[in-house]
Amino acid sequence: MKPSRRSTVPPFAVMSILNRVAQLRAQDRQVISLCAGEPSQGAPSDVRRRAAELMVDRTPLGYTETFGIKPLRREIAAHYRRWYSLDVDEDQIALTTGSSGAFLLSFLAAFDHGDRVALTRPGYPAYRNILASLGCQVVELACGPVERFQPTVEMLEAAHAAAPLAGLVVASPANPTGTMIDRDHLADLAAWCRDREVRLVSDEIYHGITDHTIAASCAWEHDRESIVISSFSKYWGMTGWRLGWSLVPADLVSTFDALAGNFALCPPVPAQHAAIAAFTEESYREADAAVAGFADARAIVLDAIDDLGWTGVAPADGAFYVYAGIGSQLGQHSDSESWCESLLEEHDVALTPGTDFDQRDGGGAVRVSLAAGPEAVAAALIRILRFQQSLKT
């Protein structure tokens, strides 16, 4: 007896680091965790209030439609009108068990075993690992500062010429870099995909968390055959509620519905009912206040870059991350994994090594999550500077 070959994907390093953070905190260590993309503010007050009411009123909490309850899908459709002036058919909105569930269902619906799917490097490791587990060929596009860590049409042309692509996964704002694709660039990518019958999958879970110098653009503004994935986890701070959604192209609705029904029956039902309250004016205000805190934390890190001696910093247009090179600060450490481990064990600060996002060049980079807020970030930087100084003595 042995595990399946398809299951031999690398673990998500962030989760292992979080486990170690929990162990150290259980020993009364005052660990500052800047490794996970988990907003510290939690769900909006109206969502919490509605969740509490659900536990005592008589709202049915049994199975829902596979795509989720219609009142919530209507609110999401209204949200697209509010943010993008975009009309979305509620019957093409599929609620999912987090954005993770949306990625699994989308990849299953859109791609066959052996299909070549392009994505950026560095990038969110779950894209690569889910696709690999499904038997797809992952085509990594090496994106650096020159490309603002985002794919170009020229890169796609080269990859497609080598062997035809079936899909492209983009993220804006991106994890781990925070960089965004502006409206014209996204339109160009969408047009390239449409002309070559390449399915575009657009990860938009960090929409709403931007510095507003680049307007967030929804892929459905450019191509209704693309798949759009979003979530309540980031802007609304609802990570543990495990609720996301996908805008499903018309040609995939029946396929997506069949897969969702077999995989999960329906998304978490209490979370669905409570999430309706995420669209109140008060919930938007609370979420925007948290975004302002992320911006303050981002400024603190960027102001400290020269003192830190970090290089190759990605333009952090949005999300709540800073991705930077630490090659000159490694000291006796061979790579960022060893460096991050020592930082955690010796100075109680948890960062994520770049190897989680870039298996080729990530050994000289780290990702700092700003989600813990400006005070935690400022305190962590003092410890990081002390750690780096110790490597020089």
Protein backbone atom coordinates (compact mmCIF):
# COMPACT_ATOMS: atom_id res chain seq x y z
CA MET A 1 0.00 0.00 0.00
CA LYS A 2 1.29 3.46 -0.88
CA PRO A 3 0.02 7.00 -1.44
CA SER A 4 -1.08 7.95 -4.94
CA ARG A 5 1.51 9.59 -7.16
CA ARG A 6 -0.81 12.56 -7.68
CA SER A 7 -0.81 13.29 -3.93
CA THR A 8 2.94 13.81 -3.68
CA VAL A 9 2.81 17.61 -3.74
CA PRO A 10 4.90 19.82 -1.44
CA PRO A 11 3.25 20.95 1.80
CA PHE A 12 2.15 24.57 2.11
CA ALA A 13 5.03 25.90 4.24
CA VAL A 14 2.91 28.63 5.83
CA MET A 15 0.82 26.00 7.59
CA SER A 16 3.90 24.29 9.01
CA ILE A 17 5.19 27.63 10.27
CA LEU A 18 1.83 28.39 11.88
CA ASN A 19 1.98 25.05 13.68
CA ARG A 20 5.39 25.98 15.09
CA VAL A 21 4.11 29.44 16.09
CA ALA A 22 1.31 27.75 18.05
CA GLN A 23 3.82 25.48 19.81
CA LEU A 24 6.02 28.42 20.81
CA ARG A 25 3.07 30.46 22.04
CA ALA A 26 2.00 27.49 24.14
CA GLN A 27 5.39 27.91 25.85
CA ASP A 28 4.48 31.55 26.62
CA ARG A 29 6.80 32.87 23.90
CA GLN A 30 5.66 36.26 22.58
CA VAL A 31 5.79 35.37 18.90
CA ILE A 32 4.91 37.97 16.28
CA SER A 33 3.51 36.13 13.29
CA LEU A 34 3.88 37.87 9.94
CA CYS A 35 3.67 34.68 7.91
CA ALA A 36 -0.02 34.08 7.17
CA GLY A 37 -2.35 36.11 5.01
CA GLU A 38 -4.93 36.36 7.76
CA PRO A 39 -6.40 39.80 8.54
CA SER A 40 -6.28 40.46 12.25
CA GLN A 41 -9.58 42.35 12.45
CA GLY A 42 -11.79 39.33 11.82
CA ALA A 43 -15.31 39.45 10.41
CA PRO A 44 -17.32 42.69 10.37
CA SER A 45 -19.57 43.36 13.35
CA ASP A 46 -22.78 42.91 11.34
CA VAL A 47 -21.62 39.49 10.16
CA ARG A 48 -20.79 38.41 13.71
CA ARG A 49 -24.15 39.68 14.95
CA ARG A 50 -26.03 37.79 12.26
CA ALA A 51 -24.06 34.61 13.01
CA ALA A 52 -25.06 34.86 16.67
CA GLU A 53 -28.71 35.29 15.69
CA LEU A 54 -28.56 32.21 13.49
CA MET A 55 -27.71 30.09 16.51
CA VAL A 56 -30.95 31.01 18.29
CA ASP A 57 -33.53 31.78 15.59
CA ARG A 58 -35.24 29.25 13.37
CA THR A 59 -33.33 29.84 10.15
CA PRO A 60 -32.96 26.45 8.43
CA LEU A 61 -29.30 25.46 8.28
CA GLY A 62 -29.62 22.31 6.21
CA TYR A 63 -28.29 21.81 2.71
CA THR A 64 -28.67 24.70 0.28
CA GLU A 65 -28.54 24.82 -3.49
CA THR A 66 -25.20 23.63 -4.79
CA PHE A 67 -24.28 27.18 -5.82
CA GLY A 68 -25.47 28.59 -2.48
CA ILE A 69 -28.42 30.61 -1.27
CA LYS A 70 -29.89 33.09 -3.72
CA PRO A 71 -30.07 36.06 -1.30
CA LEU A 72 -26.29 35.95 -0.90
CA ARG A 73 -25.71 35.52 -4.63
CA ARG A 74 -27.92 38.55 -5.23
CA GLU A 75 -25.81 40.57 -2.78
CA ILE A 76 -22.63 39.50 -4.58
CA ALA A 77 -24.17 40.54 -7.91
CA ALA A 78 -24.98 43.93 -6.38
CA HIS A 79 -21.41 44.15 -5.12
CA TYR A 80 -20.13 43.81 -8.70
CA ARG A 81 -22.43 46.63 -9.77
CA ARG A 82 -21.16 48.75 -6.87
CA TRP A 83 -17.44 48.19 -7.41
CA TYR A 84 -17.16 47.58 -11.15
CA SER A 85 -20.45 48.83 -12.70
CA LEU A 86 -20.71 45.25 -13.92
CA ASP A 87 -23.91 43.26 -14.38
CA VAL A 88 -23.49 39.66 -13.25
CA ASP A 89 -26.19 36.97 -13.50
CA GLU A 90 -26.68 35.49 -10.03
CA ASP A 91 -27.08 32.06 -11.64
CA GLN A 92 -23.42 32.31 -12.73
CA ILE A 93 -22.23 32.96 -9.17
CA ALA A 94 -21.14 29.79 -7.42
CA LEU A 95 -20.47 30.00 -3.69
CA THR A 96 -17.65 27.66 -2.63
CA THR A 97 -15.83 26.40 0.43
CA GLY A 98 -13.35 29.23 0.44
CA SER A 99 -11.49 30.34 -2.67
CA SER A 100 -9.55 27.06 -2.31
CA GLY A 101 -12.74 25.18 -3.20
CA ALA A 102 -13.27 27.51 -6.13
CA PHE A 103 -9.80 26.80 -7.50
CA LEU A 104 -10.24 23.04 -7.25
CA LEU A 105 -13.65 23.13 -8.96
CA SER A 106 -12.49 25.62 -11.60
CA PHE A 107 -9.40 23.62 -12.53
CA LEU A 108 -11.42 20.42 -12.70
CA ALA A 109 -14.11 22.06 -14.83
CA ALA A 110 -11.75 23.81 -17.24
CA PHE A 111 -8.71 21.56 -17.69
CA ASP A 112 -8.02 17.96 -18.62
CA HIS A 113 -5.22 15.69 -17.44
CA GLY A 114 -2.07 16.70 -19.32
CA ASP A 115 -3.24 20.23 -20.17
CA ARG A 116 -0.59 22.93 -19.97
CA VAL A 117 -1.54 25.78 -17.62
CA ALA A 118 0.65 28.84 -17.20
CA LEU A 119 1.16 30.81 -14.01
CA THR A 120 3.70 33.23 -12.60
CA ARG A 121 6.76 32.47 -10.53
CA PRO A 122 6.84 33.62 -7.74
CA GLY A 123 3.22 32.80 -7.11
CA TYR A 124 0.75 31.25 -4.70
CA PRO A 125 1.89 27.62 -4.26
CA ALA A 126 -1.60 26.12 -4.14
CA TYR A 127 -2.17 26.95 -7.81
CA ARG A 128 0.84 24.86 -8.77
CA ASN A 129 0.12 22.06 -6.33
CA ILE A 130 -3.59 21.67 -7.11
CA LEU A 131 -2.92 21.68 -10.85
CA ALA A 132 -0.12 19.13 -10.45
CA SER A 133 -2.31 16.86 -8.33
CA LEU A 134 -4.91 16.92 -11.12
CA GLY A 135 -2.32 15.84 -13.67
CA CYS A 136 -1.97 19.19 -15.42
CA GLN A 137 1.40 20.40 -16.68
CA VAL A 138 2.34 23.57 -14.82
CA VAL A 139 4.15 26.11 -17.00
CA GLU A 140 5.89 28.60 -14.74
CA LEU A 141 6.56 32.07 -16.14
CA ALA A 142 9.55 33.65 -14.42
CA CYS A 143 8.39 37.17 -13.55
CA GLY A 144 10.65 39.66 -11.82
CA PRO A 145 10.94 43.38 -11.17
CA VAL A 146 11.17 44.22 -14.88
CA GLU A 147 7.70 42.71 -15.45
CA ARG A 148 6.44 43.95 -12.08
CA PHE A 149 6.11 40.25 -11.18
CA GLN A 150 3.19 39.82 -13.61
CA PRO A 151 2.98 37.88 -16.91
CA THR A 152 3.31 39.55 -20.30
CA VAL A 153 1.80 38.69 -23.67
CA GLU A 154 5.33 38.05 -24.95
CA MET A 155 5.87 35.41 -22.24
CA LEU A 156 2.59 33.74 -23.18
CA GLU A 157 3.48 33.73 -26.87
CA ALA A 158 6.77 32.00 -26.13
CA ALA A 159 5.17 29.39 -23.85
CA HIS A 160 2.33 28.76 -26.32
CA ALA A 161 4.78 28.37 -29.19
CA ALA A 162 6.67 25.69 -27.26
CA ALA A 163 3.44 23.70 -26.84
CA PRO A 164 -0.17 24.94 -26.77
CA LEU A 165 -1.47 26.29 -23.48
CA ALA A 166 -4.92 25.39 -22.18
CA GLY A 167 -5.02 27.93 -19.38
CA LEU A 168 -3.51 30.95 -17.65
CA VAL A 169 -3.85 31.74 -13.95
CA VAL A 170 -3.31 35.37 -12.92
CA ALA A 171 -3.68 37.14 -9.59
CA SER A 172 -4.17 40.85 -9.03
CA PRO A 173 -3.27 41.90 -6.38
CA ALA A 174 -0.93 38.93 -6.25
CA ASN A 175 0.31 36.72 -3.47
CA PRO A 176 3.20 36.96 -2.51
CA THR A 177 4.17 40.18 -4.27
CA GLY A 178 1.11 42.40 -3.90
CA THR A 179 1.54 43.65 -7.48
CA MET A 180 -1.46 44.41 -9.66
CA ILE A 181 -2.36 44.13 -13.32
CA ASP A 182 -3.77 47.42 -14.60
CA ARG A 183 -6.96 47.50 -16.67
CA ASP A 184 -5.26 47.80 -20.08
CA HIS A 185 -2.78 45.01 -19.32
CA LEU A 186 -5.56 42.70 -18.10
CA ALA A 187 -7.54 43.50 -21.25
CA ASP A 188 -4.52 42.51 -23.36
CA LEU A 189 -4.05 39.24 -21.48
CA ALA A 190 -7.75 38.43 -21.74
CA ALA A 191 -7.80 39.16 -25.47
CA TRP A 192 -4.73 36.97 -26.03
CA CYS A 193 -6.40 34.11 -24.15
CA ARG A 194 -9.71 34.51 -25.95
CA ASP A 195 -8.10 34.59 -29.40
CA ARG A 196 -6.21 31.36 -28.71
CA GLU A 197 -8.99 29.58 -26.76
CA VAL A 198 -6.90 29.61 -23.59
CA ARG A 199 -9.02 29.70 -20.42
CA LEU A 200 -8.15 32.64 -18.18
CA VAL A 201 -8.54 32.09 -14.41
CA SER A 202 -8.38 35.36 -12.49
CA ASP A 203 -7.71 35.29 -8.73
CA GLU A 204 -9.30 38.47 -7.36
CA ILE A 205 -9.52 37.59 -3.67
CA TYR A 206 -7.51 40.65 -2.65
CA HIS A 207 -9.71 43.14 -4.46
CA GLY A 208 -10.58 46.00 -2.15
CA ILE A 209 -7.11 45.91 -0.57
CA THR A 210 -5.16 48.32 -2.77
CA ASP A 211 -3.28 51.57 -2.44
CA HIS A 212 -5.63 53.00 -5.11
CA THR A 213 -2.88 54.10 -7.51
CA ILE A 214 -3.95 51.27 -9.82
CA ALA A 215 -7.65 50.55 -10.19
CA ALA A 216 -8.62 46.92 -9.69
CA SER A 217 -10.16 45.47 -12.83
CA CYS A 218 -12.41 42.42 -12.89
CA ALA A 219 -11.60 39.94 -15.64
CA TRP A 220 -15.28 39.80 -16.61
CA GLU A 221 -14.99 43.40 -17.75
CA HIS A 222 -12.89 41.99 -20.59
CA ASP A 223 -13.89 38.37 -21.13
CA ARG A 224 -16.99 36.52 -19.91
CA GLU A 225 -15.36 33.20 -20.83
CA SER A 226 -12.80 33.69 -18.05
CA ILE A 227 -13.26 32.29 -14.55
CA VAL A 228 -13.17 34.84 -11.73
CA ILE A 229 -12.46 33.71 -8.17
CA SER A 230 -12.99 35.78 -5.05
CA SER A 231 -13.54 35.32 -1.34
CA PHE A 232 -14.82 36.77 1.92
CA SER A 233 -11.49 35.92 3.57
CA LYS A 234 -9.31 38.92 2.83
CA TYR A 235 -11.17 42.23 2.40
CA TRP A 236 -13.82 41.19 4.93
CA GLY A 237 -11.38 39.34 7.21
CA MET A 238 -13.45 36.13 7.24
CA THR A 239 -10.73 33.50 6.78
CA GLY A 240 -12.11 30.80 9.07
CA TRP A 241 -15.64 31.10 7.68
CA ARG A 242 -14.45 29.20 4.58
CA LEU A 243 -16.60 30.99 2.05
CA GLY A 244 -15.58 32.09 -1.42
CA TRP A 245 -17.18 32.33 -4.82
CA SER A 246 -16.57 31.97 -8.51
CA LEU A 247 -18.04 33.77 -11.52
CA VAL A 248 -18.64 30.82 -13.80
CA PRO A 249 -18.68 31.19 -17.61
CA ALA A 250 -21.95 30.10 -19.21
CA ASP A 251 -20.35 27.08 -20.90
CA LEU A 252 -19.10 25.73 -17.55
CA VAL A 253 -22.16 26.30 -15.33
CA SER A 254 -23.61 22.78 -15.60
CA THR A 255 -20.17 21.18 -15.27
CA PHE A 256 -19.27 23.32 -12.27
CA ASP A 257 -22.63 22.54 -10.64
CA ALA A 258 -22.20 18.79 -11.09
CA LEU A 259 -18.67 18.83 -9.68
CA ALA A 260 -19.66 21.03 -6.72
CA GLY A 261 -22.59 18.80 -5.85
CA ASN A 262 -20.39 15.72 -5.78
CA PHE A 263 -17.47 17.32 -3.94
CA ALA A 264 -19.16 19.38 -1.24
CA LEU A 265 -22.96 19.30 -1.73
CA CYS A 266 -22.95 22.99 -0.79
CA PRO A 267 -20.73 25.55 0.95
CA PRO A 268 -20.89 26.06 4.76
CA VAL A 269 -24.49 27.09 5.38
CA PRO A 270 -24.21 29.24 8.55
CA ALA A 271 -21.41 31.20 6.85
CA GLN A 272 -23.62 31.76 3.80
CA HIS A 273 -26.45 33.28 5.82
CA ALA A 274 -24.17 35.40 7.96
CA ALA A 275 -22.20 36.66 4.93
CA ILE A 276 -25.24 38.51 3.62
CA ALA A 277 -24.41 41.07 6.31
CA ALA A 278 -20.95 41.61 4.79
CA PHE A 279 -22.61 43.96 2.30
CA THR A 280 -24.03 46.47 4.75
CA GLU A 281 -22.61 49.98 4.76
CA GLU A 282 -21.14 49.38 8.21
CA SER A 283 -19.37 46.23 7.02
CA TYR A 284 -17.83 48.11 4.10
CA ARG A 285 -16.69 50.87 6.50
CA GLU A 286 -15.06 48.38 8.86
CA ALA A 287 -13.32 46.59 6.00
CA ASP A 288 -12.02 49.88 4.59
CA ALA A 289 -10.67 50.84 8.02
CA ALA A 290 -8.70 47.58 8.12
CA VAL A 291 -7.35 48.30 4.62
CA ALA A 292 -6.09 51.65 5.89
CA GLY A 293 -4.24 49.77 8.64
CA PHE A 294 -2.60 47.50 6.07
CA ALA A 295 -1.44 50.59 4.18
CA ASP A 296 0.12 51.98 7.37
CA ALA A 297 1.91 48.68 7.95
CA ARG A 298 3.12 48.62 4.33
CA ALA A 299 4.57 52.11 4.73
CA ILE A 300 6.42 51.05 7.89
CA VAL A 301 8.12 48.18 6.06
CA LEU A 302 8.95 50.16 2.95
CA ASP A 303 10.43 52.97 5.04
CA ALA A 304 12.69 50.41 6.74
CA ILE A 305 13.93 48.70 3.56
CA ASP A 306 17.23 50.61 3.42
CA ASP A 307 17.98 49.84 7.07
CA LEU A 308 17.10 46.20 6.49
CA GLY A 309 19.33 46.00 3.43
CA TRP A 310 16.66 44.12 1.47
CA THR A 311 16.63 44.36 -2.31
CA GLY A 312 14.41 43.62 -5.30
CA VAL A 313 11.31 44.71 -3.40
CA ALA A 314 8.15 44.02 -5.36
CA PRO A 315 5.89 47.06 -5.92
CA ALA A 316 3.29 46.40 -3.24
CA ASP A 317 0.27 47.84 -5.06
CA GLY A 318 -2.24 45.89 -2.99
CA ALA A 319 -3.00 42.88 -0.82
CA PHE A 320 -1.04 42.92 2.47
CA TYR A 321 2.37 41.58 1.61
CA VAL A 322 5.91 42.77 0.95
CA TYR A 323 8.13 40.39 -1.02
CA ALA A 324 11.84 41.18 -0.95
CA GLY A 325 15.30 39.75 -1.52
CA ILE A 326 17.42 39.06 1.57
CA GLY A 327 20.44 37.55 -0.17
CA SER A 328 22.88 40.04 1.32
CA GLN A 329 21.52 39.37 4.83
CA LEU A 330 21.68 35.57 4.90
CA GLY A 331 24.93 35.45 6.86
CA GLN A 332 25.85 31.85 7.54
CA HIS A 333 22.43 30.63 6.35
CA SER A 334 22.22 28.79 3.05
CA ASP A 335 18.80 30.07 2.09
CA SER A 336 15.67 31.86 3.29
CA GLU A 337 14.22 28.68 4.82
CA SER A 338 17.11 28.37 7.26
CA TRP A 339 17.13 32.15 7.83
CA CYS A 340 13.40 32.23 8.65
CA GLU A 341 13.72 29.24 10.95
CA SER A 342 16.46 30.96 12.97
CA LEU A 343 14.52 34.22 13.08
CA LEU A 344 11.54 32.39 14.55
CA GLU A 345 13.43 30.22 17.00
CA GLU A 346 15.83 32.92 18.23
CA HIS A 347 13.83 36.14 17.94
CA ASP A 348 10.17 35.05 17.87
CA VAL A 349 9.23 36.49 14.49
CA ALA A 350 7.57 34.32 11.85
CA LEU A 351 8.04 35.19 8.16
CA THR A 352 7.51 32.98 5.12
CA PRO A 353 10.56 31.95 3.07
CA GLY A 354 10.42 32.71 -0.63
CA THR A 355 10.86 29.03 -1.44
CA ASP A 356 7.16 28.55 -0.72
CA PHE A 357 6.35 30.75 -3.73
CA ASP A 358 9.35 30.19 -5.98
CA GLN A 359 11.08 26.82 -5.82
CA ARG A 360 13.88 27.97 -8.12
CA ASP A 361 14.87 31.45 -6.91
CA GLY A 362 12.94 31.88 -3.68
CA GLY A 363 15.88 30.85 -1.50
CA GLY A 364 16.98 34.46 -1.44
CA ALA A 365 13.62 36.06 -0.65
CA VAL A 366 11.00 36.35 2.08
CA ARG A 367 7.36 37.37 2.25
CA VAL A 368 6.23 39.67 5.04
CA SER A 369 2.52 39.61 5.80
CA LEU A 370 1.14 42.96 6.93
CA ALA A 371 -2.17 41.47 8.04
CA ALA A 372 -1.29 41.63 11.75
CA GLY A 373 -1.38 45.44 11.59
CA PRO A 374 1.09 48.31 11.94
CA GLU A 375 1.94 47.86 15.63
CA ALA A 376 2.86 44.20 15.22
CA VAL A 377 4.83 44.95 12.06
CA ALA A 378 6.80 47.76 13.71
CA ALA A 379 7.66 45.55 16.69
CA ALA A 380 8.71 42.71 14.39
CA LEU A 381 11.04 44.95 12.39
CA ILE A 382 12.97 45.85 15.55
CA ARG A 383 13.53 42.13 16.19
CA ILE A 384 14.47 41.46 12.55
CA LEU A 385 17.06 44.23 12.57
CA ARG A 386 18.50 42.82 15.80
CA PHE A 387 18.61 39.34 14.24
CA GLN A 388 20.36 40.57 11.10
CA GLN A 389 22.89 42.43 13.20
CA SER A 390 23.64 39.24 15.12
CA LEU A 391 24.49 37.52 11.83
CA LYS A 392 27.29 40.02 11.23
CA THR A 393 29.03 39.56 14.60
